[in-house]
Amino acid sequence: MISSRTPPAMLRAVPPKKKPRKKPATKARPKKKAVKKKWHLYVLRCGDGTLYCGITNDLERRFAMHSAGKGARYTRGRGPLTLLRSWPQKNKSAALKAEISFKRLSRAAKEARLGEE
């Protein structure tokens, strides 16, 4: 019997303790070996004479995307596109740094760099 002196906290129903869920056993999957592709800095000439600079690790796929109008917004509607030059880079970080340094050049300096062999 509950007496009048029973504290209100004891009157509450105590929820049952939940059992911890066991994680389902997983099969060990063999690790896939990633095919390392070289990163490239590339420069396109658009149909209106402007230059577009970008980086990719699959140059053929990226150029096809640009040509199909699925690449960068800048190149859409500026066809036909011509791949002027690409430079292989060690990794993505080096490619990003090369892209920024190329974009900082003046138009004349960019054209001179593209003319180099």
PDB file of N, CA and C in Angstrom:
ATOM      1  N   MET A   1       0.812  -1.172   0.000  1.00  0.00           N
ATOM      2  CA  MET A   1       0.000   0.000   0.000  1.00  0.00           C
ATOM      3  C   MET A   1       0.864   1.247   0.000  1.00  0.00           C
ATOM      4  N   ILE A   2       0.377   2.261  -0.627  1.00  0.00           N
ATOM      5  CA  ILE A   2       1.146   3.493  -0.731  1.00  0.00           C
ATOM      6  C   ILE A   2       0.736   4.388   0.420  1.00  0.00           C
ATOM      7  N   SER A   3       1.725   4.807   1.155  1.00  0.00           N
ATOM      8  CA  SER A   3       1.418   5.704   2.275  1.00  0.00           C
ATOM      9  C   SER A   3       1.461   7.134   1.792  1.00  0.00           C
ATOM     10  N   SER A   4       0.980   8.002   2.619  1.00  0.00           N
ATOM     11  CA  SER A   4       0.959   9.413   2.245  1.00  0.00           C
ATOM     12  C   SER A   4       2.352  10.018   2.270  1.00  0.00           C
ATOM     13  N   ARG A   5       3.306   9.294   2.855  1.00  0.00           N
ATOM     14  CA  ARG A   5       4.660   9.809   2.942  1.00  0.00           C
ATOM     15  C   ARG A   5       5.543   9.342   1.781  1.00  0.00           C
ATOM     16  N   THR A   6       4.999   8.578   0.855  1.00  0.00           N
ATOM     17  CA  THR A   6       5.786   8.102  -0.281  1.00  0.00           C
ATOM     18  C   THR A   6       6.110   9.280  -1.198  1.00  0.00           C
ATOM     19  N   PRO A   7       7.410   9.478  -1.497  1.00  0.00           N
ATOM     20  CA  PRO A   7       7.763  10.611  -2.368  1.00  0.00           C
ATOM     21  C   PRO A   7       7.191  10.423  -3.776  1.00  0.00           C
ATOM     22  N   PRO A   8       6.864  11.525  -4.484  1.00  0.00           N
ATOM     23  CA  PRO A   8       6.259  11.446  -5.815  1.00  0.00           C
ATOM     24  C   PRO A   8       7.138  10.727  -6.835  1.00  0.00           C
ATOM     25  N   ALA A   9       8.461  10.755  -6.637  1.00  0.00           N
ATOM     26  CA  ALA A   9       9.352  10.097  -7.596  1.00  0.00           C
ATOM     27  C   ALA A   9       9.143   8.597  -7.579  1.00  0.00           C
ATOM     28  N   MET A  10       8.769   8.030  -6.477  1.00  0.00           N
ATOM     29  CA  MET A  10       8.580   6.588  -6.386  1.00  0.00           C
ATOM     30  C   MET A  10       7.241   6.164  -6.961  1.00  0.00           C
ATOM     31  N   LEU A  11       6.317   7.104  -7.119  1.00  0.00           N
ATOM     32  CA  LEU A  11       5.006   6.780  -7.660  1.00  0.00           C
ATOM     33  C   LEU A  11       5.039   6.588  -9.180  1.00  0.00           C
ATOM     34  N   ARG A  12       6.066   7.158  -9.837  1.00  0.00           N
ATOM     35  CA  ARG A  12       6.158   7.031 -11.287  1.00  0.00           C
ATOM     36  C   ARG A  12       6.529   5.613 -11.681  1.00  0.00           C
ATOM     37  N   ALA A  13       6.008   5.211 -12.815  1.00  0.00           N
ATOM     38  CA  ALA A  13       6.341   3.880 -13.316  1.00  0.00           C
ATOM     39  C   ALA A  13       7.768   3.897 -13.849  1.00  0.00           C
ATOM     40  N   VAL A  14       8.506   2.881 -13.507  1.00  0.00           N
ATOM     41  CA  VAL A  14       9.888   2.777 -13.955  1.00  0.00           C
ATOM     42  C   VAL A  14       9.894   2.035 -15.283  1.00  0.00           C
ATOM     43  N   PRO A  15      10.472   2.664 -16.334  1.00  0.00           N
ATOM     44  CA  PRO A  15      10.483   1.981 -17.636  1.00  0.00           C
ATOM     45  C   PRO A  15      11.400   0.764 -17.564  1.00  0.00           C
ATOM     46  N   PRO A  16      11.071  -0.269 -18.302  1.00  0.00           N
ATOM     47  CA  PRO A  16      11.930  -1.464 -18.283  1.00  0.00           C
ATOM     48  C   PRO A  16      13.267  -1.159 -18.958  1.00  0.00           C
ATOM     49  N   LYS A  17      14.302  -1.797 -18.480  1.00  0.00           N
ATOM     50  CA  LYS A  17      15.624  -1.590 -19.056  1.00  0.00           C
ATOM     51  C   LYS A  17      15.691  -2.256 -20.417  1.00  0.00           C
ATOM     52  N   LYS A  18      16.268  -1.547 -21.362  1.00  0.00           N
ATOM     53  CA  LYS A  18      16.407  -2.088 -22.712  1.00  0.00           C
ATOM     54  C   LYS A  18      17.708  -2.852 -22.802  1.00  0.00           C
ATOM     55  N   LYS A  19      17.649  -3.954 -23.506  1.00  0.00           N
ATOM     56  CA  LYS A  19      18.849  -4.735 -23.727  1.00  0.00           C
ATOM     57  C   LYS A  19      19.645  -4.072 -24.846  1.00  0.00           C
ATOM     58  N   PRO A  20      20.962  -4.013 -24.714  1.00  0.00           N
ATOM     59  CA  PRO A  20      21.757  -3.409 -25.798  1.00  0.00           C
ATOM     60  C   PRO A  20      21.651  -4.249 -27.062  1.00  0.00           C
ATOM     61  N   ARG A  21      21.504  -3.548 -28.185  1.00  0.00           N
ATOM     62  CA  ARG A  21      21.396  -4.240 -29.471  1.00  0.00           C
ATOM     63  C   ARG A  21      22.762  -4.731 -29.903  1.00  0.00           C
ATOM     64  N   LYS A  22      22.770  -5.902 -30.429  1.00  0.00           N
ATOM     65  CA  LYS A  22      24.005  -6.442 -30.976  1.00  0.00           C
ATOM     66  C   LYS A  22      24.103  -6.036 -32.439  1.00  0.00           C
ATOM     67  N   LYS A  23      25.285  -5.644 -32.837  1.00  0.00           N
ATOM     68  CA  LYS A  23      25.496  -5.290 -34.239  1.00  0.00           C
ATOM     69  C   LYS A  23      25.543  -6.568 -35.061  1.00  0.00           C
ATOM     70  N   PRO A  24      24.905  -6.551 -36.232  1.00  0.00           N
ATOM     71  CA  PRO A  24      24.952  -7.745 -37.072  1.00  0.00           C
ATOM     72  C   PRO A  24      26.372  -8.004 -37.557  1.00  0.00           C
ATOM     73  N   ALA A  25      26.709  -9.252 -37.637  1.00  0.00           N
ATOM     74  CA  ALA A  25      28.045  -9.612 -38.108  1.00  0.00           C
ATOM     75  C   ALA A  25      28.177  -9.244 -39.583  1.00  0.00           C
ATOM     76  N   THR A  26      29.290  -8.653 -39.928  1.00  0.00           N
ATOM     77  CA  THR A  26      29.525  -8.276 -41.327  1.00  0.00           C
ATOM     78  C   THR A  26      30.661  -9.116 -41.880  1.00  0.00           C
ATOM     79  N   LYS A  27      30.558  -9.385 -43.134  1.00  0.00           N
ATOM     80  CA  LYS A  27      31.606 -10.140 -43.802  1.00  0.00           C
ATOM     81  C   LYS A  27      32.740  -9.190 -44.152  1.00  0.00           C
ATOM     82  N   ALA A  28      33.923  -9.663 -44.023  1.00  0.00           N
ATOM     83  CA  ALA A  28      35.082  -8.851 -44.392  1.00  0.00           C
ATOM     84  C   ALA A  28      35.128  -8.740 -45.912  1.00  0.00           C
ATOM     85  N   ARG A  29      35.125  -7.519 -46.393  1.00  0.00           N
ATOM     86  CA  ARG A  29      35.174  -7.266 -47.829  1.00  0.00           C
ATOM     87  C   ARG A  29      36.612  -7.006 -48.246  1.00  0.00           C
ATOM     88  N   PRO A  30      36.999  -7.542 -49.366  1.00  0.00           N
ATOM     89  CA  PRO A  30      38.356  -7.235 -49.838  1.00  0.00           C
ATOM     90  C   PRO A  30      38.422  -5.773 -50.265  1.00  0.00           C
ATOM     91  N   LYS A  31      39.514  -5.133 -49.928  1.00  0.00           N
ATOM     92  CA  LYS A  31      39.680  -3.720 -50.284  1.00  0.00           C
ATOM     93  C   LYS A  31      39.964  -3.595 -51.765  1.00  0.00           C
ATOM     94  N   LYS A  32      39.293  -2.631 -52.382  1.00  0.00           N
ATOM     95  CA  LYS A  32      39.528  -2.379 -53.801  1.00  0.00           C
ATOM     96  C   LYS A  32      40.765  -1.514 -53.939  1.00  0.00           C
ATOM     97  N   LYS A  33      41.600  -1.876 -54.866  1.00  0.00           N
ATOM     98  CA  LYS A  33      42.776  -1.069 -55.129  1.00  0.00           C
ATOM     99  C   LYS A  33      42.379   0.057 -56.072  1.00  0.00           C
ATOM    100  N   ALA A  34      42.552   1.267 -55.603  1.00  0.00           N
ATOM    101  CA  ALA A  34      42.192   2.420 -56.416  1.00  0.00           C
ATOM    102  C   ALA A  34      43.238   2.628 -57.501  1.00  0.00           C
ATOM    103  N   VAL A  35      42.754   2.862 -58.686  1.00  0.00           N
ATOM    104  CA  VAL A  35      43.647   3.160 -59.793  1.00  0.00           C
ATOM    105  C   VAL A  35      43.989   4.639 -59.695  1.00  0.00           C
ATOM    106  N   LYS A  36      45.253   4.919 -59.465  1.00  0.00           N
ATOM    107  CA  LYS A  36      45.659   6.314 -59.327  1.00  0.00           C
ATOM    108  C   LYS A  36      45.776   6.940 -60.711  1.00  0.00           C
ATOM    109  N   LYS A  37      45.013   7.992 -60.893  1.00  0.00           N
ATOM    110  CA  LYS A  37      45.084   8.731 -62.145  1.00  0.00           C
ATOM    111  C   LYS A  37      45.819  10.030 -61.876  1.00  0.00           C
ATOM    112  N   LYS A  38      46.607  10.430 -62.832  1.00  0.00           N
ATOM    113  CA  LYS A  38      47.318  11.692 -62.687  1.00  0.00           C
ATOM    114  C   LYS A  38      46.361  12.855 -62.850  1.00  0.00           C
ATOM    115  N   TRP A  39      46.585  13.885 -62.082  1.00  0.00           N
ATOM    116  CA  TRP A  39      45.805  15.106 -62.211  1.00  0.00           C
ATOM    117  C   TRP A  39      46.425  15.962 -63.313  1.00  0.00           C
ATOM    118  N   HIS A  40      45.571  16.692 -64.018  1.00  0.00           N
ATOM    119  CA  HIS A  40      46.016  17.543 -65.128  1.00  0.00           C
ATOM    120  C   HIS A  40      45.426  18.938 -64.972  1.00  0.00           C
ATOM    121  N   LEU A  41      46.218  19.911 -65.316  1.00  0.00           N
ATOM    122  CA  LEU A  41      45.745  21.270 -65.519  1.00  0.00           C
ATOM    123  C   LEU A  41      45.547  21.381 -67.022  1.00  0.00           C
ATOM    124  N   TYR A  42      44.374  21.833 -67.459  1.00  0.00           N
ATOM    125  CA  TYR A  42      44.117  21.922 -68.897  1.00  0.00           C
ATOM    126  C   TYR A  42      43.548  23.284 -69.244  1.00  0.00           C
ATOM    127  N   VAL A  43      43.758  23.674 -70.492  1.00  0.00           N
ATOM    128  CA  VAL A  43      43.262  24.957 -70.992  1.00  0.00           C
ATOM    129  C   VAL A  43      42.506  24.710 -72.290  1.00  0.00           C
ATOM    130  N   LEU A  44      41.292  25.249 -72.351  1.00  0.00           N
ATOM    131  CA  LEU A  44      40.453  25.148 -73.545  1.00  0.00           C
ATOM    132  C   LEU A  44      40.319  26.523 -74.183  1.00  0.00           C
ATOM    133  N   ARG A  45      40.200  26.548 -75.507  1.00  0.00           N
ATOM    134  CA  ARG A  45      39.820  27.789 -76.193  1.00  0.00           C
ATOM    135  C   ARG A  45      38.379  27.614 -76.641  1.00  0.00           C
ATOM    136  N   CYS A  46      37.553  28.550 -76.235  1.00  0.00           N
ATOM    137  CA  CYS A  46      36.131  28.509 -76.598  1.00  0.00           C
ATOM    138  C   CYS A  46      35.943  29.100 -77.986  1.00  0.00           C
ATOM    139  N   GLY A  47      34.771  28.903 -78.550  1.00  0.00           N
ATOM    140  CA  GLY A  47      34.474  29.392 -79.894  1.00  0.00           C
ATOM    141  C   GLY A  47      34.535  30.897 -80.011  1.00  0.00           C
ATOM    142  N   ASP A  48      34.306  31.619 -78.894  1.00  0.00           N
ATOM    143  CA  ASP A  48      34.357  33.087 -78.930  1.00  0.00           C
ATOM    144  C   ASP A  48      35.770  33.624 -78.666  1.00  0.00           C
ATOM    145  N   GLY A  49      36.768  32.722 -78.581  1.00  0.00           N
ATOM    146  CA  GLY A  49      38.152  33.139 -78.416  1.00  0.00           C
ATOM    147  C   GLY A  49      38.622  33.233 -76.972  1.00  0.00           C
ATOM    148  N   THR A  50      37.737  33.040 -76.011  1.00  0.00           N
ATOM    149  CA  THR A  50      38.142  33.117 -74.612  1.00  0.00           C
ATOM    150  C   THR A  50      38.800  31.807 -74.177  1.00  0.00           C
ATOM    151  N   LEU A  51      39.528  31.885 -73.073  1.00  0.00           N
ATOM    152  CA  LEU A  51      40.215  30.715 -72.534  1.00  0.00           C
ATOM    153  C   LEU A  51      39.475  30.207 -71.303  1.00  0.00           C
ATOM    154  N   TYR A  52      39.476  28.903 -71.119  1.00  0.00           N
ATOM    155  CA  TYR A  52      38.925  28.288 -69.912  1.00  0.00           C
ATOM    156  C   TYR A  52      39.997  27.366 -69.342  1.00  0.00           C
ATOM    157  N   CYS A  53      40.233  27.471 -68.050  1.00  0.00           N
ATOM    158  CA  CYS A  53      41.256  26.686 -67.379  1.00  0.00           C
ATOM    159  C   CYS A  53      40.594  25.838 -66.294  1.00  0.00           C
ATOM    160  N   GLY A  54      41.007  24.579 -66.178  1.00  0.00           N
ATOM    161  CA  GLY A  54      40.449  23.705 -65.150  1.00  0.00           C
ATOM    162  C   GLY A  54      41.397  22.566 -64.833  1.00  0.00           C
ATOM    163  N   ILE A  55      40.991  21.738 -63.840  1.00  0.00           N
ATOM    164  CA  ILE A  55      41.786  20.565 -63.482  1.00  0.00           C
ATOM    165  C   ILE A  55      40.894  19.336 -63.539  1.00  0.00           C
ATOM    166  N   THR A  56      41.507  18.183 -63.770  1.00  0.00           N
ATOM    167  CA  THR A  56      40.778  16.924 -63.800  1.00  0.00           C
ATOM    168  C   THR A  56      41.758  15.770 -63.634  1.00  0.00           C
ATOM    169  N   ASN A  57      41.213  14.599 -63.283  1.00  0.00           N
ATOM    170  CA  ASN A  57      42.061  13.409 -63.252  1.00  0.00           C
ATOM    171  C   ASN A  57      41.700  12.456 -64.384  1.00  0.00           C
ATOM    172  N   ASP A  58      40.774  12.873 -65.260  1.00  0.00           N
ATOM    173  CA  ASP A  58      40.413  12.096 -66.457  1.00  0.00           C
ATOM    174  C   ASP A  58      40.144  13.090 -67.579  1.00  0.00           C
ATOM    175  N   LEU A  59      41.175  13.414 -68.307  1.00  0.00           N
ATOM    176  CA  LEU A  59      41.116  14.490 -69.300  1.00  0.00           C
ATOM    177  C   LEU A  59      40.127  14.208 -70.430  1.00  0.00           C
ATOM    178  N   GLU A  60      40.113  12.982 -70.940  1.00  0.00           N
ATOM    179  CA  GLU A  60      39.221  12.653 -72.055  1.00  0.00           C
ATOM    180  C   GLU A  60      37.753  12.782 -71.633  1.00  0.00           C
ATOM    181  N   ARG A  61      37.422  12.256 -70.449  1.00  0.00           N
ATOM    182  CA  ARG A  61      36.046  12.321 -69.952  1.00  0.00           C
ATOM    183  C   ARG A  61      35.627  13.774 -69.728  1.00  0.00           C
ATOM    184  N   ARG A  62      36.510  14.574 -69.148  1.00  0.00           N
ATOM    185  CA  ARG A  62      36.173  15.962 -68.842  1.00  0.00           C
ATOM    186  C   ARG A  62      35.984  16.782 -70.118  1.00  0.00           C
ATOM    187  N   PHE A  63      36.838  16.561 -71.116  1.00  0.00           N
ATOM    188  CA  PHE A  63      36.683  17.296 -72.369  1.00  0.00           C
ATOM    189  C   PHE A  63      35.374  16.902 -73.053  1.00  0.00           C
ATOM    190  N   ALA A  64      35.038  15.614 -73.008  1.00  0.00           N
ATOM    191  CA  ALA A  64      33.765  15.159 -73.591  1.00  0.00           C
ATOM    192  C   ALA A  64      32.588  15.809 -72.872  1.00  0.00           C
ATOM    193  N   MET A  65      32.684  15.970 -71.545  1.00  0.00           N
ATOM    194  CA  MET A  65      31.609  16.625 -70.793  1.00  0.00           C
ATOM    195  C   MET A  65      31.460  18.079 -71.222  1.00  0.00           C
ATOM    196  N   HIS A  66      32.585  18.774 -71.366  1.00  0.00           N
ATOM    197  CA  HIS A  66      32.537  20.173 -71.816  1.00  0.00           C
ATOM    198  C   HIS A  66      31.906  20.258 -73.206  1.00  0.00           C
ATOM    199  N   SER A  67      32.327  19.389 -74.094  1.00  0.00           N
ATOM    200  CA  SER A  67      31.830  19.423 -75.475  1.00  0.00           C
ATOM    201  C   SER A  67      30.339  19.111 -75.550  1.00  0.00           C
ATOM    202  N   ALA A  68      29.857  18.261 -74.627  1.00  0.00           N
ATOM    203  CA  ALA A  68      28.437  17.888 -74.613  1.00  0.00           C
ATOM    204  C   ALA A  68      27.576  18.913 -73.887  1.00  0.00           C
ATOM    205  N   GLY A  69      28.193  19.951 -73.323  1.00  0.00           N
ATOM    206  CA  GLY A  69      27.428  20.962 -72.593  1.00  0.00           C
ATOM    207  C   GLY A  69      27.131  20.567 -71.163  1.00  0.00           C
ATOM    208  N   LYS A  70      27.795  19.538 -70.661  1.00  0.00           N
ATOM    209  CA  LYS A  70      27.567  19.075 -69.296  1.00  0.00           C
ATOM    210  C   LYS A  70      28.713  19.469 -68.368  1.00  0.00           C
ATOM    211  N   GLY A  71      29.691  20.189 -68.868  1.00  0.00           N
ATOM    212  CA  GLY A  71      30.845  20.582 -68.063  1.00  0.00           C
ATOM    213  C   GLY A  71      30.562  21.862 -67.300  1.00  0.00           C
ATOM    214  N   ALA A  72      31.552  22.718 -67.240  1.00  0.00           N
ATOM    215  CA  ALA A  72      31.421  23.978 -66.518  1.00  0.00           C
ATOM    216  C   ALA A  72      30.392  24.885 -67.194  1.00  0.00           C
ATOM    217  N   ARG A  73      29.725  25.664 -66.399  1.00  0.00           N
ATOM    218  CA  ARG A  73      28.699  26.571 -66.925  1.00  0.00           C
ATOM    219  C   ARG A  73      29.313  27.569 -67.916  1.00  0.00           C
ATOM    220  N   TYR A  74      30.570  27.976 -67.674  1.00  0.00           N
ATOM    221  CA  TYR A  74      31.218  28.948 -68.548  1.00  0.00           C
ATOM    222  C   TYR A  74      31.320  28.445 -69.982  1.00  0.00           C
ATOM    223  N   THR A  75      31.588  27.159 -70.159  1.00  0.00           N
ATOM    224  CA  THR A  75      31.820  26.644 -71.512  1.00  0.00           C
ATOM    225  C   THR A  75      30.542  26.302 -72.259  1.00  0.00           C
ATOM    226  N   ARG A  76      29.405  26.275 -71.571  1.00  0.00           N
ATOM    227  CA  ARG A  76      28.136  25.956 -72.245  1.00  0.00           C
ATOM    228  C   ARG A  76      27.772  27.078 -73.213  1.00  0.00           C
ATOM    229  N   GLY A  77      27.501  26.723 -74.433  1.00  0.00           N
ATOM    230  CA  GLY A  77      27.105  27.727 -75.420  1.00  0.00           C
ATOM    231  C   GLY A  77      28.268  28.503 -76.005  1.00  0.00           C
ATOM    232  N   ARG A  78      29.489  28.127 -75.680  1.00  0.00           N
ATOM    233  CA  ARG A  78      30.657  28.825 -76.218  1.00  0.00           C
ATOM    234  C   ARG A  78      31.457  27.929 -77.159  1.00  0.00           C
ATOM    235  N   GLY A  79      30.852  26.894 -77.669  1.00  0.00           N
ATOM    236  CA  GLY A  79      31.536  25.943 -78.540  1.00  0.00           C
ATOM    237  C   GLY A  79      31.803  26.530 -79.896  1.00  0.00           C
ATOM    238  N   PRO A  80      32.568  25.896 -80.718  1.00  0.00           N
ATOM    239  CA  PRO A  80      33.279  24.642 -80.467  1.00  0.00           C
ATOM    240  C   PRO A  80      34.488  24.868 -79.562  1.00  0.00           C
ATOM    241  N   LEU A  81      34.800  23.868 -78.764  1.00  0.00           N
ATOM    242  CA  LEU A  81      35.905  23.951 -77.820  1.00  0.00           C
ATOM    243  C   LEU A  81      37.130  23.238 -78.383  1.00  0.00           C
ATOM    244  N   THR A  82      38.291  23.796 -78.086  1.00  0.00           N
ATOM    245  CA  THR A  82      39.546  23.204 -78.521  1.00  0.00           C
ATOM    246  C   THR A  82      40.448  23.049 -77.305  1.00  0.00           C
ATOM    247  N   LEU A  83      40.977  21.854 -77.103  1.00  0.00           N
ATOM    248  CA  LEU A  83      41.935  21.634 -76.028  1.00  0.00           C
ATOM    249  C   LEU A  83      43.287  22.158 -76.492  1.00  0.00           C
ATOM    250  N   LEU A  84      43.763  23.225 -75.858  1.00  0.00           N
ATOM    251  CA  LEU A  84      45.026  23.825 -76.271  1.00  0.00           C
ATOM    252  C   LEU A  84      46.223  23.113 -75.663  1.00  0.00           C
ATOM    253  N   ARG A  85      46.139  22.835 -74.368  1.00  0.00           N
ATOM    254  CA  ARG A  85      47.289  22.247 -73.696  1.00  0.00           C
ATOM    255  C   ARG A  85      46.875  21.672 -72.368  1.00  0.00           C
ATOM    256  N   SER A  86      47.614  20.674 -71.911  1.00  0.00           N
ATOM    257  CA  SER A  86      47.423  20.154 -70.558  1.00  0.00           C
ATOM    258  C   SER A  86      48.788  19.853 -69.961  1.00  0.00           C
ATOM    259  N   TRP A  87      48.889  20.020 -68.665  1.00  0.00           N
ATOM    260  CA  TRP A  87      50.112  19.749 -67.939  1.00  0.00           C
ATOM    261  C   TRP A  87      49.810  18.727 -66.846  1.00  0.00           C
ATOM    262  N   PRO A  88      50.544  17.604 -66.817  1.00  0.00           N
ATOM    263  CA  PRO A  88      50.323  16.646 -65.730  1.00  0.00           C
ATOM    264  C   PRO A  88      50.841  17.213 -64.406  1.00  0.00           C
ATOM    265  N   GLN A  89      50.135  16.883 -63.314  1.00  0.00           N
ATOM    266  CA  GLN A  89      50.517  17.332 -61.976  1.00  0.00           C
ATOM    267  C   GLN A  89      50.689  16.121 -61.065  1.00  0.00           C
ATOM    268  N   LYS A  90      51.441  16.293 -59.978  1.00  0.00           N
ATOM    269  CA  LYS A  90      51.704  15.173 -59.077  1.00  0.00           C
ATOM    270  C   LYS A  90      50.449  14.703 -58.349  1.00  0.00           C
ATOM    271  N   ASN A  91      49.652  15.663 -57.880  1.00  0.00           N
ATOM    272  CA  ASN A  91      48.457  15.325 -57.110  1.00  0.00           C
ATOM    273  C   ASN A  91      47.442  16.453 -57.236  1.00  0.00           C
ATOM    274  N   LYS A  92      46.322  16.315 -56.571  1.00  0.00           N
ATOM    275  CA  LYS A  92      45.249  17.306 -56.684  1.00  0.00           C
ATOM    276  C   LYS A  92      45.685  18.655 -56.128  1.00  0.00           C
ATOM    277  N   SER A  93      46.410  18.626 -55.039  1.00  0.00           N
ATOM    278  CA  SER A  93      46.874  19.869 -54.429  1.00  0.00           C
ATOM    279  C   SER A  93      47.758  20.652 -55.392  1.00  0.00           C
ATOM    280  N   ALA A  94      48.679  19.967 -56.026  1.00  0.00           N
ATOM    281  CA  ALA A  94      49.565  20.634 -56.992  1.00  0.00           C
ATOM    282  C   ALA A  94      48.774  21.161 -58.180  1.00  0.00           C
ATOM    283  N   ALA A  95      47.756  20.422 -58.602  1.00  0.00           N
ATOM    284  CA  ALA A  95      46.923  20.857 -59.724  1.00  0.00           C
ATOM    285  C   ALA A  95      46.140  22.119 -59.370  1.00  0.00           C
ATOM    286  N   LEU A  96      45.596  22.166 -58.160  1.00  0.00           N
ATOM    287  CA  LEU A  96      44.854  23.359 -57.733  1.00  0.00           C
ATOM    288  C   LEU A  96      45.761  24.585 -57.652  1.00  0.00           C
ATOM    289  N   LYS A  97      46.971  24.386 -57.142  1.00  0.00           N
ATOM    290  CA  LYS A  97      47.924  25.499 -57.056  1.00  0.00           C
ATOM    291  C   LYS A  97      48.332  25.983 -58.439  1.00  0.00           C
ATOM    292  N   ALA A  98      48.547  25.046 -59.366  1.00  0.00           N
ATOM    293  CA  ALA A  98      48.916  25.420 -60.736  1.00  0.00           C
ATOM    294  C   ALA A  98      47.774  26.166 -61.417  1.00  0.00           C
ATOM    295  N   GLU A  99      46.537  25.734 -61.161  1.00  0.00           N
ATOM    296  CA  GLU A  99      45.365  26.396 -61.746  1.00  0.00           C
ATOM    297  C   GLU A  99      45.260  27.836 -61.255  1.00  0.00           C
ATOM    298  N   ILE A 100      45.437  28.042 -59.974  1.00  0.00           N
ATOM    299  CA  ILE A 100      45.340  29.397 -59.427  1.00  0.00           C
ATOM    300  C   ILE A 100      46.443  30.285 -59.983  1.00  0.00           C
ATOM    301  N   SER A 101      47.663  29.751 -60.074  1.00  0.00           N
ATOM    302  CA  SER A 101      48.759  30.570 -60.605  1.00  0.00           C
ATOM    303  C   SER A 101      48.535  30.897 -62.084  1.00  0.00           C
ATOM    304  N   PHE A 102      47.965  29.946 -62.854  1.00  0.00           N
ATOM    305  CA  PHE A 102      47.684  30.211 -64.264  1.00  0.00           C
ATOM    306  C   PHE A 102      46.590  31.274 -64.402  1.00  0.00           C
ATOM    307  N   LYS A 103      45.554  31.175 -63.589  1.00  0.00           N
ATOM    308  CA  LYS A 103      44.447  32.132 -63.684  1.00  0.00           C
ATOM    309  C   LYS A 103      44.862  33.541 -63.292  1.00  0.00           C
ATOM    310  N   ARG A 104      45.897  33.671 -62.475  1.00  0.00           N
ATOM    311  CA  ARG A 104      46.370  34.997 -62.061  1.00  0.00           C
ATOM    312  C   ARG A 104      47.186  35.703 -63.135  1.00  0.00           C
ATOM    313  N   LEU A 105      47.611  34.956 -64.147  1.00  0.00           N
ATOM    314  CA  LEU A 105      48.415  35.556 -65.224  1.00  0.00           C
ATOM    315  C   LEU A 105      47.552  36.471 -66.083  1.00  0.00           C
ATOM    316  N   SER A 106      48.212  37.436 -66.745  1.00  0.00           N
ATOM    317  CA  SER A 106      47.502  38.283 -67.702  1.00  0.00           C
ATOM    318  C   SER A 106      47.206  37.468 -68.959  1.00  0.00           C
ATOM    319  N   ARG A 107      46.360  37.995 -69.800  1.00  0.00           N
ATOM    320  CA  ARG A 107      46.003  37.290 -71.034  1.00  0.00           C
ATOM    321  C   ARG A 107      47.248  37.036 -71.893  1.00  0.00           C
ATOM    322  N   ALA A 108      48.105  38.044 -72.000  1.00  0.00           N
ATOM    323  CA  ALA A 108      49.325  37.912 -72.815  1.00  0.00           C
ATOM    324  C   ALA A 108      50.260  36.849 -72.218  1.00  0.00           C
ATOM    325  N   ALA A 109      50.364  36.820 -70.893  1.00  0.00           N
ATOM    326  CA  ALA A 109      51.233  35.840 -70.246  1.00  0.00           C
ATOM    327  C   ALA A 109      50.655  34.428 -70.413  1.00  0.00           C
ATOM    328  N   LYS A 110      49.330  34.325 -70.390  1.00  0.00           N
ATOM    329  CA  LYS A 110      48.696  33.015 -70.603  1.00  0.00           C
ATOM    330  C   LYS A 110      48.982  32.516 -72.014  1.00  0.00           C
ATOM    331  N   GLU A 111      48.834  33.403 -73.006  1.00  0.00           N
ATOM    332  CA  GLU A 111      49.095  33.025 -74.386  1.00  0.00           C
ATOM    333  C   GLU A 111      50.559  32.623 -74.570  1.00  0.00           C
ATOM    334  N   ALA A 112      51.474  33.340 -73.890  1.00  0.00           N
ATOM    335  CA  ALA A 112      52.890  33.009 -73.984  1.00  0.00           C
ATOM    336  C   ALA A 112      53.153  31.631 -73.364  1.00  0.00           C
ATOM    337  N   ARG A 113      52.527  31.361 -72.240  1.00  0.00           N
ATOM    338  CA  ARG A 113      52.710  30.066 -71.560  1.00  0.00           C
ATOM    339  C   ARG A 113      52.134  28.931 -72.417  1.00  0.00           C
ATOM    340  N   LEU A 114      51.045  29.202 -73.116  1.00  0.00           N
ATOM    341  CA  LEU A 114      50.455  28.184 -73.981  1.00  0.00           C
ATOM    342  C   LEU A 114      51.327  27.920 -75.201  1.00  0.00           C
ATOM    343  N   GLY A 115      52.085  28.918 -75.638  1.00  0.00           N
ATOM    344  CA  GLY A 115      52.953  28.766 -76.797  1.00  0.00           C
ATOM    345  C   GLY A 115      54.228  28.014 -76.499  1.00  0.00           C
ATOM    346  N   GLU A 116      54.572  27.883 -75.203  1.00  0.00           N
ATOM    347  CA  GLU A 116      55.792  27.173 -74.821  1.00  0.00           C
ATOM    348  C   GLU A 116      55.641  25.683 -75.103  1.00  0.00           C
ATOM    349  N   GLU A 117      56.716  25.040 -75.391  1.00  0.00           N
ATOM    350  CA  GLU A 117      56.698  23.573 -75.583  1.00  0.00           C
ATOM    351  C   GLU A 117      57.186  22.956 -74.375  1.00  0.00           C
TER     352      GLU A 117
END
